[in-house]
């Protein structure tokens, strides 16, 4: 896996976690994915694990 791909995966993971945090705080409201906040954070963690060396 190239460094560019790793960087993109890490950026996606950070964006997903920021989205879940903003939904938890109440700054962003997306009712469709609101019940899945925990699983979004788990997917972000898994993506970060895949991107790490």
C-alpha atoms as a PDB file:
ATOM      1  CA  UNK A   1       0.000   0.000   0.000  1.00  0.00           C
ATOM      2  CA  UNK A   2       1.415   3.370  -0.974  1.00  0.00           C
ATOM      3  CA  UNK A   3       1.880   6.306   1.362  1.00  0.00           C
ATOM      4  CA  UNK A   4      -0.780   8.287  -0.502  1.00  0.00           C
ATOM      5  CA  UNK A   5      -3.353   5.549   0.103  1.00  0.00           C
ATOM      6  CA  UNK A   6      -2.410   5.408   3.784  1.00  0.00           C
ATOM      7  CA  UNK A   7      -2.805   9.155   4.100  1.00  0.00           C
ATOM      8  CA  UNK A   8      -6.217   9.061   2.440  1.00  0.00           C
ATOM      9  CA  UNK A   9      -7.405   6.252   4.736  1.00  0.00           C
ATOM     10  CA  UNK A  10      -6.173   8.121   7.810  1.00  0.00           C
ATOM     11  CA  UNK A  11      -7.954  11.285   6.656  1.00  0.00           C
ATOM     12  CA  UNK A  12     -11.194   9.332   6.138  1.00  0.00           C
ATOM     13  CA  UNK A  13     -10.890   7.863   9.635  1.00  0.00           C
ATOM     14  CA  UNK A  14     -10.394  11.306  11.171  1.00  0.00           C
ATOM     15  CA  UNK A  15     -13.360  12.729   9.252  1.00  0.00           C
ATOM     16  CA  UNK A  16     -15.596   9.872  10.396  1.00  0.00           C
ATOM     17  CA  UNK A  17     -14.638  10.332  14.037  1.00  0.00           C
ATOM     18  CA  UNK A  18     -15.117  14.098  13.840  1.00  0.00           C
ATOM     19  CA  UNK A  19     -18.550  13.519  12.317  1.00  0.00           C
ATOM     20  CA  UNK A  20     -19.578  11.210  15.151  1.00  0.00           C
ATOM     21  CA  UNK A  21     -18.273  13.639  17.784  1.00  0.00           C
ATOM     22  CA  UNK A  22     -20.111  16.561  16.197  1.00  0.00           C
ATOM     23  CA  UNK A  23     -23.291  14.480  16.067  1.00  0.00           C
ATOM     24  CA  UNK A  24     -22.891  13.561  19.739  1.00  0.00           C
ATOM     25  CA  UNK A  25     -22.374  17.184  20.779  1.00  0.00           C
ATOM     26  CA  UNK A  26     -25.308  18.305  18.666  1.00  0.00           C
ATOM     27  CA  UNK A  27     -23.587  20.509  16.122  1.00  0.00           C
ATOM     28  CA  UNK A  28     -24.568  18.239  13.220  1.00  0.00           C
ATOM     29  CA  UNK A  29     -27.863  16.395  12.903  1.00  0.00           C
ATOM     30  CA  UNK A  30     -28.107  13.572  10.375  1.00  0.00           C
ATOM     31  CA  UNK A  31     -31.110  11.511  11.506  1.00  0.00           C
ATOM     32  CA  UNK A  32     -30.500   8.621   9.101  1.00  0.00           C
ATOM     33  CA  UNK A  33     -27.083   7.699  10.513  1.00  0.00           C
ATOM     34  CA  UNK A  34     -27.654   8.888  14.079  1.00  0.00           C
ATOM     35  CA  UNK A  35     -28.350   5.366  15.461  1.00  0.00           C
ATOM     36  CA  UNK A  36     -25.083   4.127  13.942  1.00  0.00           C
ATOM     37  CA  UNK A  37     -22.662   6.570  15.602  1.00  0.00           C
ATOM     38  CA  UNK A  38     -20.914   3.786  17.509  1.00  0.00           C
ATOM     39  CA  UNK A  39     -20.437   1.672  14.397  1.00  0.00           C
ATOM     40  CA  UNK A  40     -19.115   4.632  12.428  1.00  0.00           C
ATOM     41  CA  UNK A  41     -16.457   5.107  15.112  1.00  0.00           C
ATOM     42  CA  UNK A  42     -15.627   1.375  14.978  1.00  0.00           C
ATOM     43  CA  UNK A  43     -15.266   1.539  11.186  1.00  0.00           C
ATOM     44  CA  UNK A  44     -12.996   4.580  11.550  1.00  0.00           C
ATOM     45  CA  UNK A  45     -10.818   2.703  14.055  1.00  0.00           C
ATOM     46  CA  UNK A  46     -10.623  -0.291  11.718  1.00  0.00           C
ATOM     47  CA  UNK A  47      -9.679   1.970   8.822  1.00  0.00           C
ATOM     48  CA  UNK A  48      -6.927   3.477  10.939  1.00  0.00           C
ATOM     49  CA  UNK A  49      -5.637   0.006  11.806  1.00  0.00           C
ATOM     50  CA  UNK A  50      -5.543  -0.957   8.133  1.00  0.00           C
ATOM     51  CA  UNK A  51      -3.684   2.265   7.263  1.00  0.00           C
ATOM     52  CA  UNK A  52      -1.021   1.794   9.951  1.00  0.00           C
ATOM     53  CA  UNK A  53       2.175  -0.037   9.124  1.00  0.00           C
END
